[in-house]
Amino acid sequence: MAADEKPLIWLHGEVKTPPFSAEARLEAGFLLRRLQQGDLLPLPYSRPLPSIAPHCHELRINDKSGTWRIIYRIDLDAILILEVFQKKTKQTPQKVIEICQRRLQQYDEIANR
């Protein structure tokens, strides 16, 4: 990782094969690397999720076995990975939103000590 790249901080989840296909895992890695380098990814790769918190987004990974989502927040010094899940409905499940909000609250409390 270059000195000007943001680290990934995994609060939950992982991207591995299986359940991701090798192609989907590589795509996720490529897109996460772009985020680390400071790129703001547009649709169809990513969309904002202000319902979770400011600076939160949903990374979209289409796979032959289904559609995956990686919920992340862009901080000044890092990219926080909040959740990785297989999406089966049009909307982000309320339970996922609440879990991500709780993880962010816990992270922010610890980080601001």
PDB file of N, CA and C in Angstrom:
ATOM      1  N   MET A   1       0.850  -1.178   0.000  1.00  0.00           N
ATOM      2  CA  MET A   1       0.000   0.000   0.000  1.00  0.00           C
ATOM      3  C   MET A   1       0.889   1.232   0.000  1.00  0.00           C
ATOM      4  N   ALA A   2       0.609   2.166  -0.885  1.00  0.00           N
ATOM      5  CA  ALA A   2       1.369   3.407  -0.968  1.00  0.00           C
ATOM      6  C   ALA A   2       1.039   4.297   0.228  1.00  0.00           C
ATOM      7  N   ALA A   3       1.934   5.214   0.520  1.00  0.00           N
ATOM      8  CA  ALA A   3       1.784   6.078   1.692  1.00  0.00           C
ATOM      9  C   ALA A   3       0.532   6.943   1.629  1.00  0.00           C
ATOM     10  N   ASP A   4       0.083   7.307   0.437  1.00  0.00           N
ATOM     11  CA  ASP A   4      -1.087   8.171   0.309  1.00  0.00           C
ATOM     12  C   ASP A   4      -2.398   7.402   0.179  1.00  0.00           C
ATOM     13  N   GLU A   5      -2.355   6.079   0.295  1.00  0.00           N
ATOM     14  CA  GLU A   5      -3.568   5.265   0.214  1.00  0.00           C
ATOM     15  C   GLU A   5      -4.175   5.059   1.595  1.00  0.00           C
ATOM     16  N   LYS A   6      -5.496   4.988   1.632  1.00  0.00           N
ATOM     17  CA  LYS A   6      -6.206   4.762   2.890  1.00  0.00           C
ATOM     18  C   LYS A   6      -6.262   3.263   3.178  1.00  0.00           C
ATOM     19  N   PRO A   7      -6.048   2.872   4.420  1.00  0.00           N
ATOM     20  CA  PRO A   7      -6.195   1.451   4.750  1.00  0.00           C
ATOM     21  C   PRO A   7      -7.669   1.058   4.811  1.00  0.00           C
ATOM     22  N   LEU A   8      -7.918  -0.228   4.607  1.00  0.00           N
ATOM     23  CA  LEU A   8      -9.251  -0.786   4.815  1.00  0.00           C
ATOM     24  C   LEU A   8      -9.333  -1.248   6.257  1.00  0.00           C
ATOM     25  N   ILE A   9     -10.378  -0.848   6.953  1.00  0.00           N
ATOM     26  CA  ILE A   9     -10.618  -1.315   8.315  1.00  0.00           C
ATOM     27  C   ILE A   9     -11.891  -2.144   8.279  1.00  0.00           C
ATOM     28  N   TRP A  10     -11.730  -3.439   8.495  1.00  0.00           N
ATOM     29  CA  TRP A  10     -12.853  -4.376   8.411  1.00  0.00           C
ATOM     30  C   TRP A  10     -13.523  -4.482   9.771  1.00  0.00           C
ATOM     31  N   LEU A  11     -14.694  -3.840   9.913  1.00  0.00           N
ATOM     32  CA  LEU A  11     -15.466  -3.977  11.143  1.00  0.00           C
ATOM     33  C   LEU A  11     -16.280  -5.263  11.117  1.00  0.00           C
ATOM     34  N   HIS A  12     -16.554  -5.757   9.918  1.00  0.00           N
ATOM     35  CA  HIS A  12     -17.293  -7.017   9.789  1.00  0.00           C
ATOM     36  C   HIS A  12     -17.207  -7.511   8.350  1.00  0.00           C
ATOM     37  N   GLY A  13     -17.242  -8.812   8.187  1.00  0.00           N
ATOM     38  CA  GLY A  13     -17.322  -9.415   6.865  1.00  0.00           C
ATOM     39  C   GLY A  13     -15.969  -9.693   6.255  1.00  0.00           C
ATOM     40  N   GLU A  14     -16.018 -10.413   5.142  1.00  0.00           N
ATOM     41  CA  GLU A  14     -14.825 -10.720   4.374  1.00  0.00           C
ATOM     42  C   GLU A  14     -15.253 -11.060   2.963  1.00  0.00           C
ATOM     43  N   VAL A  15     -14.291 -10.993   2.055  1.00  0.00           N
ATOM     44  CA  VAL A  15     -14.540 -11.321   0.663  1.00  0.00           C
ATOM     45  C   VAL A  15     -13.627 -12.486   0.332  1.00  0.00           C
ATOM     46  N   LYS A  16     -14.223 -13.687   0.257  1.00  0.00           N
ATOM     47  CA  LYS A  16     -13.411 -14.865  -0.018  1.00  0.00           C
ATOM     48  C   LYS A  16     -14.180 -15.818  -0.921  1.00  0.00           C
ATOM     49  N   THR A  17     -13.439 -16.719  -1.517  1.00  0.00           N
ATOM     50  CA  THR A  17     -14.019 -17.741  -2.394  1.00  0.00           C
ATOM     51  C   THR A  17     -13.936 -19.085  -1.693  1.00  0.00           C
ATOM     52  N   PRO A  18     -15.079 -19.836  -1.581  1.00  0.00           N
ATOM     53  CA  PRO A  18     -16.445 -19.367  -1.709  1.00  0.00           C
ATOM     54  C   PRO A  18     -16.850 -18.536  -0.496  1.00  0.00           C
ATOM     55  N   PRO A  19     -17.921 -17.855  -0.460  1.00  0.00           N
ATOM     56  CA  PRO A  19     -19.068 -17.914  -1.351  1.00  0.00           C
ATOM     57  C   PRO A  19     -18.934 -17.051  -2.610  1.00  0.00           C
ATOM     58  N   PHE A  20     -18.054 -16.040  -2.610  1.00  0.00           N
ATOM     59  CA  PHE A  20     -17.825 -15.264  -3.830  1.00  0.00           C
ATOM     60  C   PHE A  20     -17.142 -16.158  -4.861  1.00  0.00           C
ATOM     61  N   SER A  21     -17.456 -15.963  -6.137  1.00  0.00           N
ATOM     62  CA  SER A  21     -16.675 -16.634  -7.177  1.00  0.00           C
ATOM     63  C   SER A  21     -15.319 -15.935  -7.243  1.00  0.00           C
ATOM     64  N   ALA A  22     -14.357 -16.571  -7.862  1.00  0.00           N
ATOM     65  CA  ALA A  22     -13.028 -15.959  -8.000  1.00  0.00           C
ATOM     66  C   ALA A  22     -13.121 -14.628  -8.744  1.00  0.00           C
ATOM     67  N   GLU A  23     -13.969 -14.560  -9.769  1.00  0.00           N
ATOM     68  CA  GLU A  23     -14.132 -13.326 -10.545  1.00  0.00           C
ATOM     69  C   GLU A  23     -14.720 -12.206  -9.695  1.00  0.00           C
ATOM     70  N   ALA A  24     -15.738 -12.526  -8.903  1.00  0.00           N
ATOM     71  CA  ALA A  24     -16.375 -11.515  -8.052  1.00  0.00           C
ATOM     72  C   ALA A  24     -15.413 -11.043  -6.964  1.00  0.00           C
ATOM     73  N   ARG A  25     -14.615 -11.950  -6.422  1.00  0.00           N
ATOM     74  CA  ARG A  25     -13.622 -11.576  -5.407  1.00  0.00           C
ATOM     75  C   ARG A  25     -12.595 -10.622  -6.001  1.00  0.00           C
ATOM     76  N   LEU A  26     -12.148 -10.895  -7.227  1.00  0.00           N
ATOM     77  CA  LEU A  26     -11.192 -10.004  -7.895  1.00  0.00           C
ATOM     78  C   LEU A  26     -11.804  -8.636  -8.175  1.00  0.00           C
ATOM     79  N   GLU A  27     -13.066  -8.622  -8.612  1.00  0.00           N
ATOM     80  CA  GLU A  27     -13.745  -7.341  -8.856  1.00  0.00           C
ATOM     81  C   GLU A  27     -13.861  -6.537  -7.567  1.00  0.00           C
ATOM     82  N   ALA A  28     -14.250  -7.201  -6.484  1.00  0.00           N
ATOM     83  CA  ALA A  28     -14.362  -6.514  -5.195  1.00  0.00           C
ATOM     84  C   ALA A  28     -13.006  -5.944  -4.777  1.00  0.00           C
ATOM     85  N   GLY A  29     -11.951  -6.737  -4.936  1.00  0.00           N
ATOM     86  CA  GLY A  29     -10.617  -6.263  -4.589  1.00  0.00           C
ATOM     87  C   GLY A  29     -10.190  -5.067  -5.423  1.00  0.00           C
ATOM     88  N   PHE A  30     -10.477  -5.109  -6.719  1.00  0.00           N
ATOM     89  CA  PHE A  30     -10.143  -4.002  -7.610  1.00  0.00           C
ATOM     90  C   PHE A  30     -10.874  -2.726  -7.195  1.00  0.00           C
ATOM     91  N   LEU A  31     -12.179  -2.830  -6.923  1.00  0.00           N
ATOM     92  CA  LEU A  31     -12.969  -1.660  -6.540  1.00  0.00           C
ATOM     93  C   LEU A  31     -12.552  -1.124  -5.172  1.00  0.00           C
ATOM     94  N   LEU A  32     -12.268  -2.017  -4.226  1.00  0.00           N
ATOM     95  CA  LEU A  32     -11.799  -1.558  -2.912  1.00  0.00           C
ATOM     96  C   LEU A  32     -10.459  -0.844  -3.029  1.00  0.00           C
ATOM     97  N   ARG A  33      -9.586  -1.330  -3.906  1.00  0.00           N
ATOM     98  CA  ARG A  33      -8.294  -0.680  -4.132  1.00  0.00           C
ATOM     99  C   ARG A  33      -8.478   0.733  -4.685  1.00  0.00           C
ATOM    100  N   ARG A  34      -9.434   0.884  -5.612  1.00  0.00           N
ATOM    101  CA  ARG A  34      -9.728   2.222  -6.149  1.00  0.00           C
ATOM    102  C   ARG A  34     -10.192   3.162  -5.047  1.00  0.00           C
ATOM    103  N   LEU A  35     -11.014   2.652  -4.126  1.00  0.00           N
ATOM    104  CA  LEU A  35     -11.449   3.475  -2.993  1.00  0.00           C
ATOM    105  C   LEU A  35     -10.254   3.880  -2.131  1.00  0.00           C
ATOM    106  N   GLN A  36      -9.348   2.948  -1.886  1.00  0.00           N
ATOM    107  CA  GLN A  36      -8.156   3.235  -1.098  1.00  0.00           C
ATOM    108  C   GLN A  36      -7.314   4.332  -1.748  1.00  0.00           C
ATOM    109  N   GLN A  37      -7.321   4.387  -3.061  1.00  0.00           N
ATOM    110  CA  GLN A  37      -6.538   5.371  -3.798  1.00  0.00           C
ATOM    111  C   GLN A  37      -7.246   6.718  -3.915  1.00  0.00           C
ATOM    112  N   GLY A  38      -8.454   6.813  -3.351  1.00  0.00           N
ATOM    113  CA  GLY A  38      -9.164   8.088  -3.326  1.00  0.00           C
ATOM    114  C   GLY A  38     -10.210   8.270  -4.399  1.00  0.00           C
ATOM    115  N   ASP A  39     -10.449   7.260  -5.233  1.00  0.00           N
ATOM    116  CA  ASP A  39     -11.485   7.367  -6.260  1.00  0.00           C
ATOM    117  C   ASP A  39     -12.864   7.314  -5.612  1.00  0.00           C
ATOM    118  N   LEU A  40     -13.776   8.140  -6.111  1.00  0.00           N
ATOM    119  CA  LEU A  40     -15.180   8.055  -5.728  1.00  0.00           C
ATOM    120  C   LEU A  40     -15.874   7.287  -6.840  1.00  0.00           C
ATOM    121  N   LEU A  41     -16.389   6.136  -6.518  1.00  0.00           N
ATOM    122  CA  LEU A  41     -16.967   5.255  -7.527  1.00  0.00           C
ATOM    123  C   LEU A  41     -18.409   5.653  -7.831  1.00  0.00           C
ATOM    124  N   PRO A  42     -18.750   5.780  -9.119  1.00  0.00           N
ATOM    125  CA  PRO A  42     -20.122   6.131  -9.502  1.00  0.00           C
ATOM    126  C   PRO A  42     -20.983   4.877  -9.656  1.00  0.00           C
ATOM    127  N   LEU A  43     -22.269   5.087  -9.932  1.00  0.00           N
ATOM    128  CA  LEU A  43     -23.130   3.988 -10.340  1.00  0.00           C
ATOM    129  C   LEU A  43     -22.595   3.424 -11.633  1.00  0.00           C
ATOM    130  N   PRO A  44     -22.652   2.183 -11.909  1.00  0.00           N
ATOM    131  CA  PRO A  44     -23.352   1.125 -11.200  1.00  0.00           C
ATOM    132  C   PRO A  44     -22.511   0.439 -10.128  1.00  0.00           C
ATOM    133  N   TYR A  45     -21.274   0.898  -9.896  1.00  0.00           N
ATOM    134  CA  TYR A  45     -20.381   0.239  -8.935  1.00  0.00           C
ATOM    135  C   TYR A  45     -20.744   0.533  -7.488  1.00  0.00           C
ATOM    136  N   SER A  46     -21.177   1.752  -7.229  1.00  0.00           N
ATOM    137  CA  SER A  46     -21.424   2.166  -5.854  1.00  0.00           C
ATOM    138  C   SER A  46     -22.541   3.196  -5.843  1.00  0.00           C
ATOM    139  N   ARG A  47     -23.261   3.219  -4.727  1.00  0.00           N
ATOM    140  CA  ARG A  47     -24.275   4.266  -4.545  1.00  0.00           C
ATOM    141  C   ARG A  47     -24.258   4.718  -3.099  1.00  0.00           C
ATOM    142  N   PRO A  48     -24.579   5.994  -2.859  1.00  0.00           N
ATOM    143  CA  PRO A  48     -24.597   6.509  -1.484  1.00  0.00           C
ATOM    144  C   PRO A  48     -25.711   5.855  -0.667  1.00  0.00           C
ATOM    145  N   LEU A  49     -25.451   5.707   0.632  1.00  0.00           N
ATOM    146  CA  LEU A  49     -26.450   5.190   1.573  1.00  0.00           C
ATOM    147  C   LEU A  49     -26.556   6.137   2.767  1.00  0.00           C
ATOM    148  N   PRO A  50     -27.111   7.329   2.557  1.00  0.00           N
ATOM    149  CA  PRO A  50     -27.216   8.277   3.671  1.00  0.00           C
ATOM    150  C   PRO A  50     -28.145   7.801   4.785  1.00  0.00           C
ATOM    151  N   SER A  51     -28.966   6.781   4.510  1.00  0.00           N
ATOM    152  CA  SER A  51     -29.851   6.248   5.554  1.00  0.00           C
ATOM    153  C   SER A  51     -29.045   5.590   6.677  1.00  0.00           C
ATOM    154  N   ILE A  52     -27.796   5.206   6.399  1.00  0.00           N
ATOM    155  CA  ILE A  52     -26.935   4.635   7.445  1.00  0.00           C
ATOM    156  C   ILE A  52     -26.225   5.757   8.177  1.00  0.00           C
ATOM    157  N   ALA A  53     -25.504   6.591   7.422  1.00  0.00           N
ATOM    158  CA  ALA A  53     -24.769   7.720   7.995  1.00  0.00           C
ATOM    159  C   ALA A  53     -24.140   8.488   6.839  1.00  0.00           C
ATOM    160  N   PRO A  54     -23.688   9.725   7.101  1.00  0.00           N
ATOM    161  CA  PRO A  54     -22.970  10.449   6.056  1.00  0.00           C
ATOM    162  C   PRO A  54     -21.734   9.671   5.608  1.00  0.00           C
ATOM    163  N   HIS A  55     -21.404   9.797   4.335  1.00  0.00           N
ATOM    164  CA  HIS A  55     -20.212   9.184   3.728  1.00  0.00           C
ATOM    165  C   HIS A  55     -20.301   7.654   3.627  1.00  0.00           C
ATOM    166  N   CYS A  56     -21.488   7.091   3.819  1.00  0.00           N
ATOM    167  CA  CYS A  56     -21.670   5.648   3.673  1.00  0.00           C
ATOM    168  C   CYS A  56     -22.143   5.336   2.260  1.00  0.00           C
ATOM    169  N   HIS A  57     -21.678   4.198   1.768  1.00  0.00           N
ATOM    170  CA  HIS A  57     -21.989   3.774   0.408  1.00  0.00           C
ATOM    171  C   HIS A  57     -22.168   2.264   0.375  1.00  0.00           C
ATOM    172  N   GLU A  58     -22.739   1.804  -0.736  1.00  0.00           N
ATOM    173  CA  GLU A  58     -22.957   0.387  -0.977  1.00  0.00           C
ATOM    174  C   GLU A  58     -22.212   0.015  -2.252  1.00  0.00           C
ATOM    175  N   LEU A  59     -21.208  -0.825  -2.132  1.00  0.00           N
ATOM    176  CA  LEU A  59     -20.474  -1.333  -3.279  1.00  0.00           C
ATOM    177  C   LEU A  59     -21.249  -2.509  -3.850  1.00  0.00           C
ATOM    178  N   ARG A  60     -21.449  -2.524  -5.161  1.00  0.00           N
ATOM    179  CA  ARG A  60     -22.266  -3.557  -5.810  1.00  0.00           C
ATOM    180  C   ARG A  60     -21.372  -4.526  -6.563  1.00  0.00           C
ATOM    181  N   ILE A  61     -21.471  -5.795  -6.218  1.00  0.00           N
ATOM    182  CA  ILE A  61     -20.702  -6.847  -6.873  1.00  0.00           C
ATOM    183  C   ILE A  61     -21.695  -7.873  -7.413  1.00  0.00           C
ATOM    184  N   ASN A  62     -21.766  -7.992  -8.732  1.00  0.00           N
ATOM    185  CA  ASN A  62     -22.634  -8.995  -9.347  1.00  0.00           C
ATOM    186  C   ASN A  62     -21.830 -10.259  -9.580  1.00  0.00           C
ATOM    187  N   ASP A  63     -22.411 -11.373  -9.174  1.00  0.00           N
ATOM    188  CA  ASP A  63     -21.745 -12.663  -9.242  1.00  0.00           C
ATOM    189  C   ASP A  63     -22.700 -13.664  -9.877  1.00  0.00           C
ATOM    190  N   LYS A  64     -22.161 -14.716 -10.416  1.00  0.00           N
ATOM    191  CA  LYS A  64     -23.037 -15.722 -11.034  1.00  0.00           C
ATOM    192  C   LYS A  64     -23.929 -16.399 -10.008  1.00  0.00           C
ATOM    193  N   SER A  65     -23.516 -16.415  -8.741  1.00  0.00           N
ATOM    194  CA  SER A  65     -24.332 -17.034  -7.693  1.00  0.00           C
ATOM    195  C   SER A  65     -25.288 -16.047  -7.026  1.00  0.00           C
ATOM    196  N   GLY A  66     -25.204 -14.763  -7.371  1.00  0.00           N
ATOM    197  CA  GLY A  66     -26.075 -13.773  -6.764  1.00  0.00           C
ATOM    198  C   GLY A  66     -25.425 -12.401  -6.745  1.00  0.00           C
ATOM    199  N   THR A  67     -26.072 -11.485  -6.095  1.00  0.00           N
ATOM    200  CA  THR A  67     -25.590 -10.111  -5.995  1.00  0.00           C
ATOM    201  C   THR A  67     -25.086  -9.864  -4.583  1.00  0.00           C
ATOM    202  N   TRP A  68     -23.882  -9.314  -4.483  1.00  0.00           N
ATOM    203  CA  TRP A  68     -23.263  -9.032  -3.187  1.00  0.00           C
ATOM    204  C   TRP A  68     -23.187  -7.537  -2.953  1.00  0.00           C
ATOM    205  N   ARG A  69     -23.235  -7.161  -1.703  1.00  0.00           N
ATOM    206  CA  ARG A  69     -23.093  -5.764  -1.306  1.00  0.00           C
ATOM    207  C   ARG A  69     -22.025  -5.663  -0.227  1.00  0.00           C
ATOM    208  N   ILE A  70     -21.238  -4.613  -0.341  1.00  0.00           N
ATOM    209  CA  ILE A  70     -20.250  -4.275   0.689  1.00  0.00           C
ATOM    210  C   ILE A  70     -20.584  -2.856   1.136  1.00  0.00           C
ATOM    211  N   ILE A  71     -21.008  -2.718   2.379  1.00  0.00           N
ATOM    212  CA  ILE A  71     -21.344  -1.408   2.933  1.00  0.00           C
ATOM    213  C   ILE A  71     -20.061  -0.812   3.507  1.00  0.00           C
ATOM    214  N   TYR A  72     -19.750   0.427   3.124  1.00  0.00           N
ATOM    215  CA  TYR A  72     -18.517   1.057   3.592  1.00  0.00           C
ATOM    216  C   TYR A  72     -18.740   2.540   3.873  1.00  0.00           C
ATOM    217  N   ARG A  73     -17.834   3.105   4.673  1.00  0.00           N
ATOM    218  CA  ARG A  73     -17.830   4.537   4.941  1.00  0.00           C
ATOM    219  C   ARG A  73     -16.449   5.071   4.600  1.00  0.00           C
ATOM    220  N   ILE A  74     -16.433   6.208   3.941  1.00  0.00           N
ATOM    221  CA  ILE A  74     -15.180   6.865   3.601  1.00  0.00           C
ATOM    222  C   ILE A  74     -14.852   7.878   4.701  1.00  0.00           C
ATOM    223  N   ASP A  75     -13.795   7.604   5.445  1.00  0.00           N
ATOM    224  CA  ASP A  75     -13.282   8.538   6.445  1.00  0.00           C
ATOM    225  C   ASP A  75     -12.064   9.256   5.872  1.00  0.00           C
ATOM    226  N   LEU A  76     -11.601  10.282   6.562  1.00  0.00           N
ATOM    227  CA  LEU A  76     -10.421  11.004   6.094  1.00  0.00           C
ATOM    228  C   LEU A  76      -9.183  10.125   6.046  1.00  0.00           C
ATOM    229  N   ASP A  77      -9.104   9.165   6.982  1.00  0.00           N
ATOM    230  CA  ASP A  77      -7.874   8.377   7.109  1.00  0.00           C
ATOM    231  C   ASP A  77      -8.042   6.893   6.786  1.00  0.00           C
ATOM    232  N   ALA A  78      -9.258   6.455   6.418  1.00  0.00           N
ATOM    233  CA  ALA A  78      -9.472   5.021   6.179  1.00  0.00           C
ATOM    234  C   ALA A  78     -10.799   4.788   5.464  1.00  0.00           C
ATOM    235  N   ILE A  79     -10.932   3.576   4.944  1.00  0.00           N
ATOM    236  CA  ILE A  79     -12.206   3.090   4.413  1.00  0.00           C
ATOM    237  C   ILE A  79     -12.692   2.032   5.397  1.00  0.00           C
ATOM    238  N   LEU A  80     -13.844   2.269   6.018  1.00  0.00           N
ATOM    239  CA  LEU A  80     -14.398   1.327   6.988  1.00  0.00           C
ATOM    240  C   LEU A  80     -15.360   0.373   6.287  1.00  0.00           C
ATOM    241  N   ILE A  81     -15.125  -0.918   6.424  1.00  0.00           N
ATOM    242  CA  ILE A  81     -16.026  -1.927   5.871  1.00  0.00           C
ATOM    243  C   ILE A  81     -16.980  -2.326   7.000  1.00  0.00           C
ATOM    244  N   LEU A  82     -18.266  -2.056   6.797  1.00  0.00           N
ATOM    245  CA  LEU A  82     -19.267  -2.268   7.841  1.00  0.00           C
ATOM    246  C   LEU A  82     -19.989  -3.603   7.723  1.00  0.00           C
ATOM    247  N   GLU A  83     -20.200  -4.065   6.489  1.00  0.00           N
ATOM    248  CA  GLU A  83     -20.973  -5.283   6.290  1.00  0.00           C
ATOM    249  C   GLU A  83     -20.750  -5.808   4.874  1.00  0.00           C
ATOM    250  N   VAL A  84     -20.771  -7.119   4.741  1.00  0.00           N
ATOM    251  CA  VAL A  84     -20.725  -7.806   3.453  1.00  0.00           C
ATOM    252  C   VAL A  84     -21.882  -8.799   3.474  1.00  0.00           C
ATOM    253  N   PHE A  85     -22.768  -8.699   2.482  1.00  0.00           N
ATOM    254  CA  PHE A  85     -23.904  -9.609   2.483  1.00  0.00           C
ATOM    255  C   PHE A  85     -24.404  -9.845   1.063  1.00  0.00           C
ATOM    256  N   GLN A  86     -25.129 -10.948   0.890  1.00  0.00           N
ATOM    257  CA  GLN A  86     -25.738 -11.252  -0.392  1.00  0.00           C
ATOM    258  C   GLN A  86     -27.108 -10.598  -0.419  1.00  0.00           C
ATOM    259  N   LYS A  87     -27.317  -9.767  -1.411  1.00  0.00           N
ATOM    260  CA  LYS A  87     -28.567  -9.025  -1.498  1.00  0.00           C
ATOM    261  C   LYS A  87     -29.613  -9.844  -2.234  1.00  0.00           C
ATOM    262  N   LYS A  88     -30.785  -9.972  -1.615  1.00  0.00           N
ATOM    263  CA  LYS A  88     -31.848 -10.785  -2.199  1.00  0.00           C
ATOM    264  C   LYS A  88     -33.134  -9.995  -2.420  1.00  0.00           C
ATOM    265  N   THR A  89     -33.144  -8.725  -1.995  1.00  0.00           N
ATOM    266  CA  THR A  89     -34.320  -7.875  -2.178  1.00  0.00           C
ATOM    267  C   THR A  89     -33.877  -6.563  -2.823  1.00  0.00           C
ATOM    268  N   LYS A  90     -34.840  -5.765  -3.279  1.00  0.00           N
ATOM    269  CA  LYS A  90     -34.500  -4.487  -3.913  1.00  0.00           C
ATOM    270  C   LYS A  90     -33.922  -3.495  -2.908  1.00  0.00           C
ATOM    271  N   GLN A  91     -34.488  -3.445  -1.720  1.00  0.00           N
ATOM    272  CA  GLN A  91     -34.035  -2.497  -0.709  1.00  0.00           C
ATOM    273  C   GLN A  91     -33.030  -3.142   0.218  1.00  0.00           C
ATOM    274  N   THR A  92     -32.166  -2.298   0.773  1.00  0.00           N
ATOM    275  CA  THR A  92     -31.251  -2.778   1.802  1.00  0.00           C
ATOM    276  C   THR A  92     -32.086  -3.114   3.036  1.00  0.00           C
ATOM    277  N   PRO A  93     -31.971  -4.333   3.560  1.00  0.00           N
ATOM    278  CA  PRO A  93     -32.783  -4.710   4.719  1.00  0.00           C
ATOM    279  C   PRO A  93     -32.557  -3.777   5.916  1.00  0.00           C
ATOM    280  N   GLN A  94     -33.640  -3.464   6.608  1.00  0.00           N
ATOM    281  CA  GLN A  94     -33.564  -2.579   7.771  1.00  0.00           C
ATOM    282  C   GLN A  94     -32.600  -3.124   8.816  1.00  0.00           C
ATOM    283  N   LYS A  95     -32.558  -4.433   8.976  1.00  0.00           N
ATOM    284  CA  LYS A  95     -31.652  -5.052   9.944  1.00  0.00           C
ATOM    285  C   LYS A  95     -30.193  -4.734   9.597  1.00  0.00           C
ATOM    286  N   VAL A  96     -29.843  -4.757   8.319  1.00  0.00           N
ATOM    287  CA  VAL A  96     -28.480  -4.436   7.886  1.00  0.00           C
ATOM    288  C   VAL A  96     -28.170  -2.970   8.194  1.00  0.00           C
ATOM    289  N   ILE A  97     -29.117  -2.086   7.923  1.00  0.00           N
ATOM    290  CA  ILE A  97     -28.923  -0.658   8.215  1.00  0.00           C
ATOM    291  C   ILE A  97     -28.661  -0.452   9.700  1.00  0.00           C
ATOM    292  N   GLU A  98     -29.463  -1.082  10.548  1.00  0.00           N
ATOM    293  CA  GLU A  98     -29.310  -0.926  12.001  1.00  0.00           C
ATOM    294  C   GLU A  98     -27.982  -1.496  12.496  1.00  0.00           C
ATOM    295  N   ILE A  99     -27.578  -2.648  11.966  1.00  0.00           N
ATOM    296  CA  ILE A  99     -26.295  -3.247  12.359  1.00  0.00           C
ATOM    297  C   ILE A  99     -25.144  -2.326  11.971  1.00  0.00           C
ATOM    298  N   CYS A 100     -25.191  -1.766  10.775  1.00  0.00           N
ATOM    299  CA  CYS A 100     -24.130  -0.855  10.321  1.00  0.00           C
ATOM    300  C   CYS A 100     -24.084   0.407  11.182  1.00  0.00           C
ATOM    301  N   GLN A 101     -25.233   0.945  11.506  1.00  0.00           N
ATOM    302  CA  GLN A 101     -25.274   2.131  12.372  1.00  0.00           C
ATOM    303  C   GLN A 101     -24.673   1.831  13.749  1.00  0.00           C
ATOM    304  N   ARG A 102     -24.980   0.668  14.291  1.00  0.00           N
ATOM    305  CA  ARG A 102     -24.438   0.282  15.601  1.00  0.00           C
ATOM    306  C   ARG A 102     -22.914   0.111  15.525  1.00  0.00           C
ATOM    307  N   ARG A 103     -22.428  -0.526  14.478  1.00  0.00           N
ATOM    308  CA  ARG A 103     -20.977  -0.708  14.319  1.00  0.00           C
ATOM    309  C   ARG A 103     -20.268   0.640  14.197  1.00  0.00           C
ATOM    310  N   LEU A 104     -20.863   1.564  13.447  1.00  0.00           N
ATOM    311  CA  LEU A 104     -20.262   2.891  13.309  1.00  0.00           C
ATOM    312  C   LEU A 104     -20.236   3.627  14.639  1.00  0.00           C
ATOM    313  N   GLN A 105     -21.314   3.538  15.380  1.00  0.00           N
ATOM    314  CA  GLN A 105     -21.375   4.204  16.681  1.00  0.00           C
ATOM    315  C   GLN A 105     -20.294   3.656  17.607  1.00  0.00           C
ATOM    316  N   GLN A 106     -20.151   2.337  17.651  1.00  0.00           N
ATOM    317  CA  GLN A 106     -19.115   1.726  18.490  1.00  0.00           C
ATOM    318  C   GLN A 106     -17.726   2.124  18.022  1.00  0.00           C
ATOM    319  N   TYR A 107     -17.486   2.106  16.723  1.00  0.00           N
ATOM    320  CA  TYR A 107     -16.182   2.496  16.186  1.00  0.00           C
ATOM    321  C   TYR A 107     -15.866   3.957  16.518  1.00  0.00           C
ATOM    322  N   ASP A 108     -16.838   4.847  16.301  1.00  0.00           N
ATOM    323  CA  ASP A 108     -16.617   6.269  16.555  1.00  0.00           C
ATOM    324  C   ASP A 108     -16.359   6.541  18.043  1.00  0.00           C
ATOM    325  N   GLU A 109     -17.055   5.813  18.924  1.00  0.00           N
ATOM    326  CA  GLU A 109     -16.809   5.986  20.357  1.00  0.00           C
ATOM    327  C   GLU A 109     -15.371   5.600  20.731  1.00  0.00           C
ATOM    328  N   ILE A 110     -14.901   4.508  20.184  1.00  0.00           N
ATOM    329  CA  ILE A 110     -13.534   4.052  20.479  1.00  0.00           C
ATOM    330  C   ILE A 110     -12.511   4.978  19.827  1.00  0.00           C
ATOM    331  N   ALA A 111     -12.745   5.369  18.576  1.00  0.00           N
ATOM    332  CA  ALA A 111     -11.795   6.201  17.842  1.00  0.00           C
ATOM    333  C   ALA A 111     -11.666   7.599  18.419  1.00  0.00           C
ATOM    334  N   ASN A 112     -12.716   8.094  19.071  1.00  0.00           N
ATOM    335  CA  ASN A 112     -12.708   9.464  19.605  1.00  0.00           C
ATOM    336  C   ASN A 112     -12.316   9.549  21.055  1.00  0.00           C
ATOM    337  N   ARG A 113     -11.800   8.467  21.622  1.00  0.00           N
ATOM    338  CA  ARG A 113     -11.376   8.491  23.034  1.00  0.00           C
ATOM    339  C   ARG A 113     -10.116   9.257  23.204  1.00  0.00           C
TER     340      ARG A 113
END
